[in-house]
Each structure stands twice: as structure tokens, then as C-alpha cells.
Amino acid sequence: MAGAKSKSEDHGGRPLSRPIVLTDVSVRFGQQVALDDISVTVRPGRSVAIIGPNGSGKTTLLNLVAGLQEPTDGSVSAPTNAVFGYVSQHASQPQWLPLTARDVIRMGRYRDRGLLGRFNDHDRSVIQSVAARLEVVDLLDRSFGDLSGGQRQRVRIAQALAMEPNVLVLDEPITGLDIPSQQIILDLIEQQTARSTAVVITTHHLDEARHCDEVLLVSGHLVATGPPGDVLTVENLRLAFGDRLLGDHSHHNHSHEMLLVDDHGHNHDH
């Protein structure tokens, strides 16, 4: 697990001046209703997991929070000081480009520095800090395209952290990753909320959702919202997933966990 960092390494933006609030939002794509009448509040220092079956609107809801999608109906209100660090499911850097892992992380500083701006000591300190937190320091001079799926994902999250965001938005961050990378990323989510960052993730892993402070269970609409223990019940999961629930099995400290069977095709290590 990633250890705690010293105060000098504690880079990050100022906390949100107020929550991000989605009120009665709906999204339609032509005749298709992706989300219907959802209200959500994202608070500083809280982690929120969006979980639901494929096609349930998870990524659409994530994009609404991040300001990347406009609602068809309803409203999204975000504070003016919101700085979003967004990591999508698929790598945005073409693997054939001759980029090192360091180059990819440096891109996270372009918001402040610009493409041609000269990097200062603070920029270099941020890059080194986030690389250490994602345990990719030894990868910085390697070609990004030569890294494993888990390594690439950690570099991409380090790039998002290099922006010093106060809202970290991750679309299925651990899907298909090796166990060590999964653990590093789950630890990071807890570290970021401790630094007053708001963290919003999509997932189809129950354990990943349980790591978060709040869970939004969606299936085109909001099935349930609240703490993981209140939301991730057999009854609620059946409402959202239907026959994609396989049954009870023992898992870690949870004696009766439902196994989700979803036709999920994303895998970082393919």
C-alpha cells in the first residue's frame, strides 16, 4: 500500500467552495433515455461510487458531474473553483507516440503552465510527488506504450493528480488491473478524500463501491443512494441488476455478497 506522504509532498488544490449539485437531471440521446430524474450532491472530502449494470447511465452520470455532458432536463451547479482531474476508461495517449511515462504525467501541468511554458520547481515537485504516490517513479523514463495495463492506468491517474484537482473523476479505474495496481488506486481514493478532494468513480465491483463513502446505484434512474451498507443490499441489487445476480458467496469479511454477472468488455490489460 502507498504510505502517507510528508507535508511538503501534499500537493492539491483548495477544496470545493461548495458542493456540486445535480438537480432533477435527465439525459436523452434521441429517443433513448439514458438517465431519468436524478438528483445528486457531491461534497468535498467525500468519495462517491456510481454502480449499475452496463447501459445503466453510469458514465453519463459521471460526465454530468465533470461538466462534460449537458443534461437534457434539470440543472448541474458546480462551484467556480472546481478543478477536475478526469480519467476515462480508455487511454487518451496513442501508444505509438514516443512518450515516456514522465511526458504523460507532465501533461497534467499544462492547465497551469501551457504547452510552451517553462516548468518550475513546483511543477517538478508535483510530478515527482504524484509519481511516488502511484508508485511509478521507476517507470518515468520508460515508454508509455511499453507499460502494462496496470502501469499505464497508474500513470494516467498520476497525470490527473498533477493538475492538483479538487474533484477526481475516475471511470472504472480498476477494471481489468492486476491486484497490486487495484490496491494502490483504492488506497489513493482514501488518501484524496483525506485531503478534502471530492472523488467520484464508476464501478461494477461491489468491493470497490464499499471503499467509498457514498454509493449511487443506478439503472437509468436512481435505484438507491446512501452509505454502502444501506445501498448494496440484495434487494436493491436485484432491482438494478435483475438476473445478472448469480447468488451468495463468501468474500473477505462479507459473509453474503451477491456476485454481479455483467457483460462488461473493458479490460486495461488486454
C-alpha atoms as a PDB file:
ATOM      1  CA  MET A   1       0.000   0.000   0.000  1.00  0.00           C
ATOM      2  CA  ALA A   2       1.105   3.531  -0.642  1.00  0.00           C
ATOM      3  CA  GLY A   3       2.351   5.190   2.511  1.00  0.00           C
ATOM      4  CA  ALA A   4       1.453   8.622   3.846  1.00  0.00           C
ATOM      5  CA  LYS A   5       3.462  11.490   2.423  1.00  0.00           C
ATOM      6  CA  SER A   6       5.111  14.329   4.227  1.00  0.00           C
ATOM      7  CA  LYS A   7       3.532  17.773   4.333  1.00  0.00           C
ATOM      8  CA  SER A   8       5.935  19.068   1.706  1.00  0.00           C
ATOM      9  CA  GLU A   9       4.548  16.474  -0.719  1.00  0.00           C
ATOM     10  CA  ASP A  10       0.903  17.313  -0.018  1.00  0.00           C
ATOM     11  CA  HIS A  11       0.074  18.903  -3.361  1.00  0.00           C
ATOM     12  CA  GLY A  12      -3.562  19.634  -4.130  1.00  0.00           C
ATOM     13  CA  GLY A  13      -5.996  22.358  -4.969  1.00  0.00           C
ATOM     14  CA  ARG A  14      -8.165  24.214  -2.485  1.00  0.00           C
ATOM     15  CA  PRO A  15     -11.282  22.247  -1.513  1.00  0.00           C
ATOM     16  CA  LEU A  16     -14.506  22.968  -3.337  1.00  0.00           C
ATOM     17  CA  SER A  17     -16.086  26.177  -2.067  1.00  0.00           C
ATOM     18  CA  ARG A  18     -19.452  24.390  -2.109  1.00  0.00           C
ATOM     19  CA  PRO A  19     -20.802  21.009  -3.265  1.00  0.00           C
ATOM     20  CA  ILE A  20     -21.527  20.051  -6.861  1.00  0.00           C
ATOM     21  CA  VAL A  21     -25.306  19.662  -7.089  1.00  0.00           C
ATOM     22  CA  LEU A  22     -27.275  17.821  -9.770  1.00  0.00           C
ATOM     23  CA  THR A  23     -30.995  18.583  -9.529  1.00  0.00           C
ATOM     24  CA  ASP A  24     -33.651  16.523 -11.333  1.00  0.00           C
ATOM     25  CA  VAL A  25     -31.331  15.808 -14.249  1.00  0.00           C
ATOM     26  CA  SER A  26     -32.339  13.710 -17.231  1.00  0.00           C
ATOM     27  CA  VAL A  27     -30.326  12.881 -20.336  1.00  0.00           C
ATOM     28  CA  ARG A  28     -31.778  11.695 -23.624  1.00  0.00           C
ATOM     29  CA  PHE A  29     -29.941  10.707 -26.772  1.00  0.00           C
ATOM     30  CA  GLY A  30     -32.605  10.999 -29.436  1.00  0.00           C
ATOM     31  CA  GLN A  31     -35.469   8.819 -28.264  1.00  0.00           C
ATOM     32  CA  GLN A  32     -33.280   6.902 -25.824  1.00  0.00           C
ATOM     33  CA  VAL A  33     -33.450   7.909 -22.155  1.00  0.00           C
ATOM     34  CA  ALA A  34     -30.001   7.431 -20.604  1.00  0.00           C
ATOM     35  CA  LEU A  35     -30.860   8.951 -17.205  1.00  0.00           C
ATOM     36  CA  ASP A  36     -34.193   9.937 -15.776  1.00  0.00           C
ATOM     37  CA  ASP A  37     -34.802  12.459 -12.973  1.00  0.00           C
ATOM     38  CA  ILE A  38     -31.666  12.053 -10.851  1.00  0.00           C
ATOM     39  CA  SER A  39     -30.562  14.350  -8.031  1.00  0.00           C
ATOM     40  CA  VAL A  40     -27.049  14.019  -6.592  1.00  0.00           C
ATOM     41  CA  THR A  41     -24.815  16.076  -4.289  1.00  0.00           C
ATOM     42  CA  VAL A  42     -21.010  15.688  -4.415  1.00  0.00           C
ATOM     43  CA  ARG A  43     -19.292  17.104  -1.341  1.00  0.00           C
ATOM     44  CA  PRO A  44     -15.647  17.981  -0.649  1.00  0.00           C
ATOM     45  CA  GLY A  45     -13.723  15.216   1.071  1.00  0.00           C
ATOM     46  CA  ARG A  46     -16.231  12.507   0.158  1.00  0.00           C
ATOM     47  CA  SER A  47     -15.913   9.587  -2.233  1.00  0.00           C
ATOM     48  CA  VAL A  48     -18.902   8.561  -4.330  1.00  0.00           C
ATOM     49  CA  ALA A  49     -19.226   5.288  -6.259  1.00  0.00           C
ATOM     50  CA  ILE A  50     -21.666   5.025  -9.153  1.00  0.00           C
ATOM     51  CA  ILE A  51     -22.577   1.379  -9.688  1.00  0.00           C
ATOM     52  CA  GLY A  52     -25.055  -0.301 -12.016  1.00  0.00           C
ATOM     53  CA  PRO A  53     -25.325  -2.679 -14.958  1.00  0.00           C
ATOM     54  CA  ASN A  54     -23.988  -1.924 -18.414  1.00  0.00           C
ATOM     55  CA  GLY A  55     -26.117   0.664 -20.179  1.00  0.00           C
ATOM     56  CA  SER A  56     -27.449   1.992 -16.867  1.00  0.00           C
ATOM     57  CA  GLY A  57     -26.088   5.517 -17.371  1.00  0.00           C
ATOM     58  CA  LYS A  58     -23.040   5.307 -15.074  1.00  0.00           C
ATOM     59  CA  THR A  59     -20.621   7.076 -17.415  1.00  0.00           C
ATOM     60  CA  THR A  60     -23.270   9.600 -18.454  1.00  0.00           C
ATOM     61  CA  LEU A  61     -23.814  10.497 -14.799  1.00  0.00           C
ATOM     62  CA  LEU A  62     -20.055  10.732 -14.261  1.00  0.00           C
ATOM     63  CA  ASN A  63     -19.761  13.088 -17.239  1.00  0.00           C
ATOM     64  CA  LEU A  64     -22.564  15.273 -15.861  1.00  0.00           C
ATOM     65  CA  VAL A  65     -20.644  15.654 -12.594  1.00  0.00           C
ATOM     66  CA  ALA A  66     -17.464  16.527 -14.516  1.00  0.00           C
ATOM     67  CA  GLY A  67     -19.221  19.070 -16.721  1.00  0.00           C
ATOM     68  CA  LEU A  68     -18.545  17.042 -19.869  1.00  0.00           C
ATOM     69  CA  GLN A  69     -22.227  16.347 -20.555  1.00  0.00           C
ATOM     70  CA  GLU A  70     -25.152  18.767 -20.566  1.00  0.00           C
ATOM     71  CA  PRO A  71     -28.429  17.494 -19.103  1.00  0.00           C
ATOM     72  CA  THR A  72     -31.488  17.415 -21.323  1.00  0.00           C
ATOM     73  CA  ASP A  73     -33.554  18.475 -18.316  1.00  0.00           C
ATOM     74  CA  GLY A  74     -32.650  19.651 -14.837  1.00  0.00           C
ATOM     75  CA  SER A  75     -29.551  21.511 -13.731  1.00  0.00           C
ATOM     76  CA  VAL A  76     -25.931  20.968 -12.695  1.00  0.00           C
ATOM     77  CA  SER A  77     -24.374  23.519 -10.366  1.00  0.00           C
ATOM     78  CA  ALA A  78     -20.625  23.453  -9.689  1.00  0.00           C
ATOM     79  CA  PRO A  79     -18.519  25.997  -7.767  1.00  0.00           C
ATOM     80  CA  THR A  80     -16.296  28.297  -9.781  1.00  0.00           C
ATOM     81  CA  ASN A  81     -13.171  26.930  -8.096  1.00  0.00           C
ATOM     82  CA  ALA A  82     -13.830  23.327  -9.196  1.00  0.00           C
ATOM     83  CA  VAL A  83     -10.768  21.747 -10.853  1.00  0.00           C
ATOM     84  CA  PHE A  84     -11.499  18.341 -12.342  1.00  0.00           C
ATOM     85  CA  GLY A  85      -8.971  15.577 -12.807  1.00  0.00           C
ATOM     86  CA  TYR A  86     -10.685  13.122 -15.157  1.00  0.00           C
ATOM     87  CA  VAL A  87      -9.509   9.641 -16.139  1.00  0.00           C
ATOM     88  CA  SER A  88     -11.628   7.868 -18.749  1.00  0.00           C
ATOM     89  CA  GLN A  89     -11.767   4.120 -19.345  1.00  0.00           C
ATOM     90  CA  HIS A  90      -9.561   4.260 -22.409  1.00  0.00           C
ATOM     91  CA  ALA A  91      -6.085   5.745 -22.679  1.00  0.00           C
ATOM     92  CA  SER A  92      -6.102   9.079 -24.475  1.00  0.00           C
ATOM     93  CA  GLN A  93      -2.407   8.870 -25.385  1.00  0.00           C
ATOM     94  CA  PRO A  94      -1.850   6.825 -28.589  1.00  0.00           C
ATOM     95  CA  GLN A  95       0.635   4.104 -27.699  1.00  0.00           C
ATOM     96  CA  TRP A  96       2.608   4.681 -30.905  1.00  0.00           C
ATOM     97  CA  LEU A  97       3.616   8.195 -29.842  1.00  0.00           C
ATOM     98  CA  PRO A  98       7.166   8.325 -28.449  1.00  0.00           C
ATOM     99  CA  LEU A  99       6.056   9.440 -24.996  1.00  0.00           C
ATOM    100  CA  THR A 100       7.627   8.408 -21.739  1.00  0.00           C
ATOM    101  CA  ALA A 101       5.581   7.987 -18.567  1.00  0.00           C
ATOM    102  CA  ARG A 102       7.109  11.276 -17.389  1.00  0.00           C
ATOM    103  CA  ASP A 103       5.848  13.029 -20.545  1.00  0.00           C
ATOM    104  CA  VAL A 104       2.331  11.750 -19.904  1.00  0.00           C
ATOM    105  CA  ILE A 105       2.332  12.943 -16.277  1.00  0.00           C
ATOM    106  CA  ARG A 106       3.774  16.326 -17.315  1.00  0.00           C
ATOM    107  CA  MET A 107       0.674  16.888 -19.466  1.00  0.00           C
ATOM    108  CA  GLY A 108      -1.259  17.272 -16.241  1.00  0.00           C
ATOM    109  CA  ARG A 109       0.611  20.540 -15.609  1.00  0.00           C
ATOM    110  CA  TYR A 110      -0.365  22.090 -18.964  1.00  0.00           C
ATOM    111  CA  ARG A 111      -3.523  23.635 -17.486  1.00  0.00           C
ATOM    112  CA  ASP A 112      -1.350  25.894 -15.332  1.00  0.00           C
ATOM    113  CA  ARG A 113       1.798  26.059 -17.442  1.00  0.00           C
ATOM    114  CA  GLY A 114       0.562  25.850 -21.044  1.00  0.00           C
ATOM    115  CA  LEU A 115       2.145  23.794 -23.795  1.00  0.00           C
ATOM    116  CA  LEU A 116       5.184  26.047 -24.092  1.00  0.00           C
ATOM    117  CA  GLY A 117       5.501  27.257 -20.524  1.00  0.00           C
ATOM    118  CA  ARG A 118       8.707  26.554 -18.663  1.00  0.00           C
ATOM    119  CA  PHE A 119       8.351  24.154 -15.752  1.00  0.00           C
ATOM    120  CA  ASN A 120       9.405  25.494 -12.361  1.00  0.00           C
ATOM    121  CA  ASP A 121      10.411  23.772  -9.134  1.00  0.00           C
ATOM    122  CA  HIS A 122       6.783  23.449  -8.035  1.00  0.00           C
ATOM    123  CA  ASP A 123       5.835  21.704 -11.280  1.00  0.00           C
ATOM    124  CA  ARG A 124       8.698  19.266 -10.922  1.00  0.00           C
ATOM    125  CA  SER A 125       7.845  18.663  -7.266  1.00  0.00           C
ATOM    126  CA  VAL A 126       4.206  17.909  -8.137  1.00  0.00           C
ATOM    127  CA  ILE A 127       5.230  15.448 -10.860  1.00  0.00           C
ATOM    128  CA  GLN A 128       7.656  13.638  -8.567  1.00  0.00           C
ATOM    129  CA  SER A 129       5.101  13.535  -5.738  1.00  0.00           C
ATOM    130  CA  VAL A 130       2.234  12.093  -7.757  1.00  0.00           C
ATOM    131  CA  ALA A 131       4.585   9.573  -9.395  1.00  0.00           C
ATOM    132  CA  ALA A 132       5.643   8.422  -5.915  1.00  0.00           C
ATOM    133  CA  ARG A 133       2.039   8.164  -4.717  1.00  0.00           C
ATOM    134  CA  LEU A 134       1.092   5.957  -7.695  1.00  0.00           C
ATOM    135  CA  GLU A 135       4.367   4.012  -7.344  1.00  0.00           C
ATOM    136  CA  VAL A 136       5.549   4.758 -10.882  1.00  0.00           C
ATOM    137  CA  VAL A 137       8.801   6.638 -10.151  1.00  0.00           C
ATOM    138  CA  ASP A 138      10.844   3.760 -11.561  1.00  0.00           C
ATOM    139  CA  LEU A 139       8.758   3.906 -14.753  1.00  0.00           C
ATOM    140  CA  LEU A 140       9.179   7.613 -15.535  1.00  0.00           C
ATOM    141  CA  ASP A 141      11.776   7.167 -18.275  1.00  0.00           C
ATOM    142  CA  ARG A 142      10.095   4.152 -19.876  1.00  0.00           C
ATOM    143  CA  SER A 143       7.946   4.384 -22.991  1.00  0.00           C
ATOM    144  CA  PHE A 144       4.292   4.743 -22.016  1.00  0.00           C
ATOM    145  CA  GLY A 145       3.279   2.334 -24.774  1.00  0.00           C
ATOM    146  CA  ASP A 146       5.542  -0.399 -23.368  1.00  0.00           C
ATOM    147  CA  LEU A 147       3.929  -0.364 -19.927  1.00  0.00           C
ATOM    148  CA  SER A 148       1.436  -2.946 -18.723  1.00  0.00           C
ATOM    149  CA  GLY A 149      -2.234  -2.028 -18.421  1.00  0.00           C
ATOM    150  CA  GLY A 150      -1.959  -1.514 -14.670  1.00  0.00           C
ATOM    151  CA  GLN A 151       1.150   0.622 -15.029  1.00  0.00           C
ATOM    152  CA  ARG A 152      -0.462   2.766 -17.733  1.00  0.00           C
ATOM    153  CA  GLN A 153      -3.541   3.297 -15.598  1.00  0.00           C
ATOM    154  CA  ARG A 154      -1.447   4.416 -12.631  1.00  0.00           C
ATOM    155  CA  VAL A 155       0.464   6.839 -14.877  1.00  0.00           C
ATOM    156  CA  ARG A 156      -2.808   8.248 -16.218  1.00  0.00           C
ATOM    157  CA  ILE A 157      -4.160   8.776 -12.701  1.00  0.00           C
ATOM    158  CA  ALA A 158      -0.856  10.439 -11.776  1.00  0.00           C
ATOM    159  CA  GLN A 159      -1.398  12.749 -14.767  1.00  0.00           C
ATOM    160  CA  ALA A 160      -4.835  13.694 -13.394  1.00  0.00           C
ATOM    161  CA  LEU A 161      -3.382  14.325  -9.928  1.00  0.00           C
ATOM    162  CA  ALA A 162      -0.673  16.531 -11.458  1.00  0.00           C
ATOM    163  CA  MET A 163      -3.455  19.021 -12.207  1.00  0.00           C
ATOM    164  CA  GLU A 164      -3.875  19.397  -8.417  1.00  0.00           C
ATOM    165  CA  PRO A 165      -7.630  18.820  -8.735  1.00  0.00           C
ATOM    166  CA  ASN A 166     -10.201  19.207  -6.010  1.00  0.00           C
ATOM    167  CA  VAL A 167     -12.513  16.804  -7.858  1.00  0.00           C
ATOM    168  CA  LEU A 168     -11.063  13.478  -9.028  1.00  0.00           C
ATOM    169  CA  VAL A 169     -13.307  11.691 -11.535  1.00  0.00           C
ATOM    170  CA  LEU A 170     -12.441   8.090 -12.458  1.00  0.00           C
ATOM    171  CA  ASP A 171     -14.354   5.933 -14.948  1.00  0.00           C
ATOM    172  CA  GLU A 172     -13.976   2.291 -13.847  1.00  0.00           C
ATOM    173  CA  PRO A 173     -10.427   2.855 -12.569  1.00  0.00           C
ATOM    174  CA  ILE A 174      -9.558  -0.707 -11.500  1.00  0.00           C
ATOM    175  CA  THR A 175     -11.345  -2.806 -14.138  1.00  0.00           C
ATOM    176  CA  GLY A 176      -9.016  -5.437 -15.538  1.00  0.00           C
ATOM    177  CA  LEU A 177      -5.994  -4.374 -13.479  1.00  0.00           C
ATOM    178  CA  ASP A 178      -3.535  -6.512 -11.550  1.00  0.00           C
ATOM    179  CA  ILE A 179      -4.207  -6.758  -7.816  1.00  0.00           C
ATOM    180  CA  PRO A 180      -1.286  -4.501  -6.728  1.00  0.00           C
ATOM    181  CA  SER A 181      -2.455  -1.711  -9.069  1.00  0.00           C
ATOM    182  CA  GLN A 182      -6.018  -2.094  -7.800  1.00  0.00           C
ATOM    183  CA  GLN A 183      -4.860  -1.698  -4.210  1.00  0.00           C
ATOM    184  CA  ILE A 184      -2.689   1.335  -4.969  1.00  0.00           C
ATOM    185  CA  ILE A 185      -5.647   3.066  -6.634  1.00  0.00           C
ATOM    186  CA  LEU A 186      -8.109   2.173  -3.851  1.00  0.00           C
ATOM    187  CA  ASP A 187      -5.625   3.496  -1.273  1.00  0.00           C
ATOM    188  CA  LEU A 188      -5.259   6.672  -3.322  1.00  0.00           C
ATOM    189  CA  ILE A 189      -9.019   7.305  -3.241  1.00  0.00           C
ATOM    190  CA  GLU A 190      -8.941   7.245   0.563  1.00  0.00           C
ATOM    191  CA  GLN A 191      -5.874   9.499   0.614  1.00  0.00           C
ATOM    192  CA  GLN A 192      -7.532  12.045  -1.664  1.00  0.00           C
ATOM    193  CA  THR A 193     -10.688  12.332   0.413  1.00  0.00           C
ATOM    194  CA  ALA A 194      -8.484  12.824   3.478  1.00  0.00           C
ATOM    195  CA  ARG A 195      -7.029  15.828   1.581  1.00  0.00           C
ATOM    196  CA  SER A 196     -10.592  17.212   1.092  1.00  0.00           C
ATOM    197  CA  THR A 197     -10.761  16.160  -2.561  1.00  0.00           C
ATOM    198  CA  ALA A 198     -14.139  15.012  -3.840  1.00  0.00           C
ATOM    199  CA  VAL A 199     -13.754  11.669  -5.613  1.00  0.00           C
ATOM    200  CA  VAL A 200     -16.375  10.206  -7.964  1.00  0.00           C
ATOM    201  CA  ILE A 201     -15.907   6.817  -9.615  1.00  0.00           C
ATOM    202  CA  THR A 202     -17.917   4.406 -11.704  1.00  0.00           C
ATOM    203  CA  THR A 203     -17.547   0.719 -10.997  1.00  0.00           C
ATOM    204  CA  HIS A 204     -19.147  -2.687 -11.332  1.00  0.00           C
ATOM    205  CA  HIS A 205     -17.112  -4.096  -8.427  1.00  0.00           C
ATOM    206  CA  LEU A 206     -19.002  -4.317  -5.125  1.00  0.00           C
ATOM    207  CA  ASP A 207     -15.764  -4.231  -3.128  1.00  0.00           C
ATOM    208  CA  GLU A 208     -14.663  -1.053  -4.905  1.00  0.00           C
ATOM    209  CA  ALA A 209     -18.017   0.575  -4.160  1.00  0.00           C
ATOM    210  CA  ARG A 210     -17.706  -0.430  -0.494  1.00  0.00           C
ATOM    211  CA  HIS A 211     -14.448   1.536  -0.290  1.00  0.00           C
ATOM    212  CA  CYS A 212     -16.392   4.756  -0.930  1.00  0.00           C
ATOM    213  CA  ASP A 213     -18.326   6.937   1.494  1.00  0.00           C
ATOM    214  CA  GLU A 214     -21.478   7.000  -0.618  1.00  0.00           C
ATOM    215  CA  VAL A 215     -22.942   4.800  -3.338  1.00  0.00           C
ATOM    216  CA  LEU A 216     -25.293   5.731  -6.164  1.00  0.00           C
ATOM    217  CA  LEU A 217     -26.986   2.600  -7.521  1.00  0.00           C
ATOM    218  CA  VAL A 218     -28.353   3.417 -10.965  1.00  0.00           C
ATOM    219  CA  SER A 219     -30.331   1.649 -13.649  1.00  0.00           C
ATOM    220  CA  GLY A 220     -31.345   4.525 -15.897  1.00  0.00           C
ATOM    221  CA  HIS A 221     -32.746   6.107 -12.747  1.00  0.00           C
ATOM    222  CA  LEU A 222     -31.544   6.290  -9.169  1.00  0.00           C
ATOM    223  CA  VAL A 223     -32.398   2.971  -7.505  1.00  0.00           C
ATOM    224  CA  ALA A 224     -30.828   3.859  -4.153  1.00  0.00           C
ATOM    225  CA  THR A 225     -28.323   6.284  -2.657  1.00  0.00           C
ATOM    226  CA  GLY A 226     -26.533   6.449   0.682  1.00  0.00           C
ATOM    227  CA  PRO A 227     -23.781   4.622   2.597  1.00  0.00           C
ATOM    228  CA  PRO A 228     -22.588   1.354   1.035  1.00  0.00           C
ATOM    229  CA  GLY A 229     -24.170  -0.803   3.713  1.00  0.00           C
ATOM    230  CA  ASP A 230     -27.576   0.754   3.096  1.00  0.00           C
ATOM    231  CA  VAL A 231     -27.418   0.696  -0.702  1.00  0.00           C
ATOM    232  CA  LEU A 232     -25.657  -2.570  -1.591  1.00  0.00           C
ATOM    233  CA  THR A 233     -28.366  -4.857  -0.277  1.00  0.00           C
ATOM    234  CA  VAL A 234     -29.627  -7.958  -2.047  1.00  0.00           C
ATOM    235  CA  GLU A 235     -32.988  -6.291  -2.629  1.00  0.00           C
ATOM    236  CA  ASN A 236     -31.522  -3.119  -4.161  1.00  0.00           C
ATOM    237  CA  LEU A 237     -29.029  -5.036  -6.288  1.00  0.00           C
ATOM    238  CA  ARG A 238     -31.819  -7.245  -7.645  1.00  0.00           C
ATOM    239  CA  LEU A 239     -33.791  -4.128  -8.576  1.00  0.00           C
ATOM    240  CA  ALA A 240     -30.814  -2.759 -10.515  1.00  0.00           C
ATOM    241  CA  PHE A 241     -29.217  -5.899 -11.967  1.00  0.00           C
ATOM    242  CA  GLY A 242     -32.119  -8.350 -12.207  1.00  0.00           C
ATOM    243  CA  ASP A 243     -30.993 -11.777 -13.400  1.00  0.00           C
ATOM    244  CA  ARG A 244     -27.375 -10.595 -13.618  1.00  0.00           C
ATOM    245  CA  LEU A 245     -27.067 -11.529  -9.932  1.00  0.00           C
ATOM    246  CA  LEU A 246     -25.639 -15.021  -9.587  1.00  0.00           C
ATOM    247  CA  GLY A 247     -26.062 -15.695  -5.869  1.00  0.00           C
ATOM    248  CA  ASP A 248     -24.474 -15.545  -2.430  1.00  0.00           C
ATOM    249  CA  HIS A 249     -20.869 -16.415  -1.822  1.00  0.00           C
ATOM    250  CA  SER A 250     -18.393 -15.743   0.937  1.00  0.00           C
ATOM    251  CA  HIS A 251     -15.878 -12.981   0.163  1.00  0.00           C
ATOM    252  CA  HIS A 252     -13.334 -11.425   2.517  1.00  0.00           C
ATOM    253  CA  ASN A 253     -15.251 -10.115   5.535  1.00  0.00           C
ATOM    254  CA  HIS A 254     -18.616 -10.029   3.799  1.00  0.00           C
ATOM    255  CA  SER A 255     -20.451 -13.273   4.519  1.00  0.00           C
ATOM    256  CA  HIS A 256     -23.239 -12.792   1.971  1.00  0.00           C
ATOM    257  CA  GLU A 257     -22.097 -10.904  -1.084  1.00  0.00           C
ATOM    258  CA  MET A 258     -24.034 -11.048  -4.332  1.00  0.00           C
ATOM    259  CA  LEU A 259     -21.902 -11.815  -7.368  1.00  0.00           C
ATOM    260  CA  LEU A 260     -22.581  -9.473 -10.272  1.00  0.00           C
ATOM    261  CA  VAL A 261     -22.556 -11.115 -13.681  1.00  0.00           C
ATOM    262  CA  ASP A 262     -22.275  -8.300 -16.221  1.00  0.00           C
ATOM    263  CA  ASP A 263     -21.339  -8.411 -19.888  1.00  0.00           C
ATOM    264  CA  HIS A 264     -18.506  -5.997 -19.266  1.00  0.00           C
ATOM    265  CA  GLY A 265     -15.983  -5.721 -22.064  1.00  0.00           C
ATOM    266  CA  HIS A 266     -13.413  -3.267 -20.693  1.00  0.00           C
ATOM    267  CA  ASN A 267     -10.066  -4.637 -19.650  1.00  0.00           C
ATOM    268  CA  HIS A 268      -6.977  -2.470 -19.194  1.00  0.00           C
ATOM    269  CA  ASP A 269      -4.645  -5.470 -19.514  1.00  0.00           C
ATOM    270  CA  HIS A 270      -5.984  -6.798 -22.822  1.00  0.00           C
END
